Amino acid sequence: MPTDQIAAEALLARGQRVELVLPFPAPIQAARWSERDHDILRDHILRTAAVHIIHPRYTATGYRDRNQVLVDRAELLLAYWSGRP
């Protein structure tokens, strides 16, 4: 499970407010994901306080634009790197 999903799950399990910021609508973002990851995203969408979509369709800059929104809105920013490129 990706780190952002782990964090969302931990916060939701503790009753914390979670807002998703997606670069594109979920069906576009998750088009190549496994069925398990689709299920996790659908579950998180249903359980979060809000879902924000940055672009209505795929764009080459979608993830970068999403990441900038996350940084701009953050009160606290934690980064995780797997050590892989």
Protein backbone atom coordinates (compact mmCIF):
# COMPACT_ATOMS: atom_id res chain seq x y z
CA MET A 1 0.00 0.00 0.00
CA PRO A 2 1.42 3.43 -0.90
CA THR A 3 2.53 5.65 1.97
CA ASP A 4 -0.23 8.23 1.39
CA GLN A 5 -2.87 5.51 1.68
CA ILE A 6 -1.26 4.18 4.86
CA ALA A 7 -1.34 7.67 6.37
CA ALA A 8 -4.96 8.24 5.30
CA GLU A 9 -6.01 4.91 6.78
CA ALA A 10 -4.26 5.63 10.08
CA LEU A 11 -5.89 9.05 10.38
CA LEU A 12 -9.35 7.78 9.42
CA ALA A 13 -9.05 4.95 11.95
CA ARG A 14 -8.43 7.58 14.63
CA GLY A 15 -11.42 9.65 13.59
CA GLN A 16 -9.32 12.48 12.18
CA ARG A 17 -10.46 14.76 9.37
CA VAL A 18 -8.94 13.70 6.05
CA GLU A 19 -9.23 15.47 2.72
CA LEU A 20 -8.06 13.80 -0.48
CA VAL A 21 -6.32 15.86 -3.13
CA LEU A 22 -6.32 13.95 -6.40
CA PRO A 23 -4.52 15.09 -9.55
CA PHE A 24 -7.42 13.81 -11.71
CA PRO A 25 -10.79 12.13 -11.08
CA ALA A 26 -10.34 8.76 -9.36
CA PRO A 27 -11.12 6.59 -12.43
CA ILE A 28 -8.34 8.33 -14.35
CA GLN A 29 -5.82 8.32 -11.52
CA ALA A 30 -6.40 4.67 -10.71
CA ALA A 31 -6.74 3.37 -14.28
CA ARG A 32 -3.68 1.12 -13.97
CA TRP A 33 -4.04 0.22 -10.30
CA SER A 34 -4.83 -3.22 -8.92
CA GLU A 35 -8.41 -3.99 -7.89
CA ARG A 36 -7.29 -3.92 -4.24
CA ASP A 37 -5.91 -0.39 -4.63
CA HIS A 38 -9.13 0.67 -6.42
CA ASP A 39 -11.11 -0.64 -3.44
CA ILE A 40 -8.91 1.25 -0.98
CA LEU A 41 -9.31 4.52 -2.91
CA ARG A 42 -13.10 4.08 -3.16
CA ASP A 43 -13.25 3.41 0.58
CA HIS A 44 -11.17 6.49 1.36
CA ILE A 45 -13.31 8.67 -0.92
CA LEU A 46 -16.41 7.55 0.98
CA ARG A 47 -14.83 8.16 4.39
CA THR A 48 -13.02 11.47 3.85
CA ALA A 49 -14.38 14.91 4.64
CA ALA A 50 -13.66 16.24 1.13
CA VAL A 51 -12.15 15.24 -2.19
CA HIS A 52 -10.40 17.91 -4.26
CA ILE A 53 -9.72 17.26 -7.95
CA ILE A 54 -6.93 19.38 -9.45
CA HIS A 55 -7.54 18.66 -13.17
CA PRO A 56 -10.73 17.30 -14.76
CA ARG A 57 -8.69 15.07 -17.12
CA TYR A 58 -5.18 13.65 -17.37
CA THR A 59 -2.37 16.18 -17.83
CA ALA A 60 1.38 15.63 -17.86
CA THR A 61 1.74 18.04 -14.92
CA GLY A 62 -1.12 16.61 -12.86
CA TYR A 63 0.93 14.97 -10.12
CA ARG A 64 3.32 17.91 -9.85
CA ASP A 65 0.37 20.32 -9.62
CA ARG A 66 -1.28 18.12 -6.99
CA ASN A 67 1.94 17.98 -4.99
CA GLN A 68 2.23 21.77 -5.08
CA VAL A 69 -1.32 22.10 -3.72
CA LEU A 70 -0.44 19.69 -0.90
CA VAL A 71 2.65 21.72 0.02
CA ASP A 72 0.79 25.03 -0.21
CA ARG A 73 -2.02 23.80 2.09
CA ALA A 74 0.13 21.95 4.60
CA GLU A 75 0.51 23.06 8.19
CA LEU A 76 3.01 20.24 8.69
CA LEU A 77 4.73 18.36 5.90
CA LEU A 78 6.25 14.90 6.37
CA ALA A 79 8.09 13.32 3.47
CA TYR A 80 8.90 9.67 2.95
CA TRP A 81 11.36 8.31 0.39
CA SER A 82 11.62 4.62 -0.33
CA GLY A 83 15.20 4.95 -1.51
CA ARG A 84 14.23 4.03 -5.06
CA PRO A 85 14.34 6.41 -8.02
